[in-house]
């Protein structure tokens, strides 16, 4: 973390530079703006400045008061279905399900990973002595007995 001014910082990670502005709650990785909570670079800056309380940098939507305000409005229960007054043009409207075309091919089994998630590559390893790059069947260290 390298400070440029009171609110602007440069954060270096894996050879890349990310610029974080705490005043505008912005980072060049764009996670800070997208999620409206501090990204890893913003958290590094906040720790560098010895700021423990990160609540001012989070959106109000993540705070308990927002949930309380959601259910603050009184919900009026619906009357019985027989007491509804439905206009004629709604009664005679025919609503069809949306046309759905099934995609060609086998459906995906795994979800698509985000850019910031680590992609792991499975390498096969030998069952005889555990060396990567080949398996027990193609092992040349232990020749097959005929």
Protein backbone atom coordinates (compact mmCIF):
# COMPACT_ATOMS: atom_id res chain seq x y z
CA UNK A 1 0.00 0.00 0.00
CA UNK A 2 1.48 3.31 -1.12
CA UNK A 3 -0.36 6.55 -0.25
CA UNK A 4 -0.71 9.18 -2.99
CA UNK A 5 -2.82 11.63 -1.00
CA UNK A 6 -5.03 11.55 2.07
CA UNK A 7 -7.74 9.48 0.30
CA UNK A 8 -6.01 7.98 -2.77
CA UNK A 9 -3.76 4.93 -2.43
CA UNK A 10 -1.95 2.53 -4.75
CA UNK A 11 -2.13 -1.14 -3.85
CA UNK A 12 0.30 -3.56 -5.50
CA UNK A 13 -0.78 -7.19 -5.82
CA UNK A 14 0.81 -9.86 -8.04
CA UNK A 15 2.64 -7.27 -10.13
CA UNK A 16 -0.51 -5.21 -10.78
CA UNK A 17 -1.36 -1.80 -9.38
CA UNK A 18 -4.84 -0.99 -8.11
CA UNK A 19 -5.83 2.57 -7.23
CA UNK A 20 -8.22 2.98 -4.29
CA UNK A 21 -10.04 6.21 -3.43
CA UNK A 22 -11.64 5.99 0.01
CA UNK A 23 -13.48 9.29 -0.35
CA UNK A 24 -15.45 8.15 -3.41
CA UNK A 25 -15.43 4.44 -2.42
CA UNK A 26 -13.82 3.45 -5.72
CA UNK A 27 -11.18 0.86 -6.73
CA UNK A 28 -9.84 0.11 -10.20
CA UNK A 29 -10.74 -3.59 -9.76
CA UNK A 30 -14.37 -2.30 -9.69
CA UNK A 31 -15.44 -4.69 -6.94
CA UNK A 32 -15.73 -1.83 -4.43
CA UNK A 33 -18.27 -0.05 -6.66
CA UNK A 34 -20.08 -3.20 -7.77
CA UNK A 35 -20.64 -4.83 -4.37
CA UNK A 36 -20.70 -1.56 -2.42
CA UNK A 37 -18.53 -3.15 0.26
CA UNK A 38 -14.74 -2.77 0.53
CA UNK A 39 -12.79 -5.05 -1.82
CA UNK A 40 -9.53 -6.73 -0.79
CA UNK A 41 -7.52 -3.69 -1.94
CA UNK A 42 -9.68 -1.25 0.02
CA UNK A 43 -9.41 -3.46 3.11
CA UNK A 44 -5.62 -3.43 2.74
CA UNK A 45 -5.72 0.39 2.65
CA UNK A 46 -8.02 0.56 5.69
CA UNK A 47 -5.70 -1.76 7.63
CA UNK A 48 -2.74 0.38 6.54
CA UNK A 49 -4.50 3.44 7.99
CA UNK A 50 -5.36 1.44 11.18
CA UNK A 51 -9.10 1.85 10.59
CA UNK A 52 -10.97 -0.89 12.42
CA UNK A 53 -14.55 0.29 11.82
CA UNK A 54 -15.31 -0.45 8.15
CA UNK A 55 -19.05 0.25 8.45
CA UNK A 56 -18.83 3.76 6.93
CA UNK A 57 -17.38 2.22 3.75
CA UNK A 58 -20.24 -0.29 3.34
CA UNK A 59 -23.55 0.48 1.67
CA UNK A 60 -26.56 1.09 3.89
CA UNK A 61 -28.27 -1.89 2.24
CA UNK A 62 -26.01 -4.25 4.21
CA UNK A 63 -26.87 -2.74 7.57
CA UNK A 64 -29.62 -4.06 9.90
CA UNK A 65 -31.61 -0.81 9.69
CA UNK A 66 -32.26 -1.40 5.99
CA UNK A 67 -33.85 -4.77 6.73
CA UNK A 68 -36.02 -3.21 9.42
CA UNK A 69 -37.17 -0.48 7.01
CA UNK A 70 -38.12 -3.14 4.46
CA UNK A 71 -40.77 -4.56 6.79
CA UNK A 72 -41.71 -1.19 8.32
CA UNK A 73 -44.62 -0.66 5.92
CA UNK A 74 -47.80 -2.40 7.00
CA UNK A 75 -48.91 -5.17 4.66
CA UNK A 76 -52.63 -5.33 4.05
CA UNK A 77 -53.90 -8.91 3.70
CA UNK A 78 -55.81 -9.88 0.57
CA UNK A 79 -59.56 -10.45 0.87
CA UNK A 80 -61.03 -13.86 0.08
CA UNK A 81 -60.81 -14.86 -3.60
CA UNK A 82 -64.60 -14.78 -3.94
CA UNK A 83 -64.64 -11.10 -2.89
CA UNK A 84 -62.25 -9.95 -5.63
CA UNK A 85 -63.58 -7.60 -8.28
CA UNK A 86 -61.83 -8.57 -11.51
CA UNK A 87 -62.45 -6.50 -14.66
CA UNK A 88 -63.78 -8.36 -17.72
CA UNK A 89 -60.77 -7.57 -19.89
CA UNK A 90 -58.57 -9.33 -17.34
CA UNK A 91 -60.87 -12.33 -17.01
CA UNK A 92 -60.84 -13.09 -20.73
CA UNK A 93 -57.13 -12.46 -21.25
CA UNK A 94 -55.30 -15.65 -22.21
CA UNK A 95 -51.77 -15.73 -20.85
CA UNK A 96 -49.48 -18.32 -22.41
CA UNK A 97 -46.19 -19.50 -20.91
CA UNK A 98 -43.08 -17.98 -22.45
CA UNK A 99 -41.64 -19.81 -25.43
CA UNK A 100 -38.58 -21.66 -24.29
CA UNK A 101 -36.03 -23.15 -26.63
CA UNK A 102 -33.83 -25.75 -25.07
CA UNK A 103 -30.15 -25.18 -25.74
CA UNK A 104 -28.31 -27.67 -27.90
CA UNK A 105 -25.90 -30.06 -26.18
CA UNK A 106 -25.41 -31.35 -22.73
CA UNK A 107 -26.17 -28.92 -19.87
CA UNK A 108 -23.24 -27.49 -17.90
CA UNK A 109 -22.50 -29.24 -14.62
CA UNK A 110 -20.24 -26.59 -13.11
CA UNK A 111 -20.83 -22.91 -12.63
CA UNK A 112 -18.70 -20.33 -14.40
CA UNK A 113 -16.08 -18.96 -12.03
CA UNK A 114 -15.52 -15.24 -11.50
CA UNK A 115 -12.37 -13.57 -12.73
CA UNK A 116 -10.94 -13.24 -9.23
CA UNK A 117 -11.51 -16.92 -8.33
CA UNK A 118 -8.53 -19.20 -8.59
CA UNK A 119 -8.76 -21.76 -11.34
CA UNK A 120 -7.30 -25.09 -10.30
CA UNK A 121 -5.89 -27.48 -12.84
CA UNK A 122 -5.96 -31.16 -11.93
CA UNK A 123 -2.83 -33.00 -12.94
CA UNK A 124 -2.76 -36.74 -13.04
CA UNK A 125 -0.13 -38.48 -10.96
CA UNK A 126 1.41 -41.92 -10.99
CA UNK A 127 -0.07 -44.51 -8.64
CA UNK A 128 3.30 -46.24 -8.20
CA UNK A 129 5.39 -43.40 -6.86
CA UNK A 130 3.26 -40.21 -7.14
CA UNK A 131 5.12 -38.29 -9.86
CA UNK A 132 2.91 -35.84 -11.76
CA UNK A 133 2.47 -35.86 -15.53
CA UNK A 134 1.57 -39.50 -16.11
CA UNK A 135 -0.52 -42.26 -14.58
CA UNK A 136 0.15 -45.83 -13.48
CA UNK A 137 -0.70 -47.26 -16.93
CA UNK A 138 1.82 -45.05 -18.79
CA UNK A 139 4.54 -45.24 -16.13
CA UNK A 140 8.03 -45.92 -17.56
CA UNK A 141 9.80 -46.09 -14.21
CA UNK A 142 8.20 -49.43 -13.33
CA UNK A 143 7.97 -51.49 -16.56
CA UNK A 144 5.01 -53.82 -17.03
CA UNK A 145 5.55 -57.51 -16.43
CA UNK A 146 4.52 -59.73 -19.32
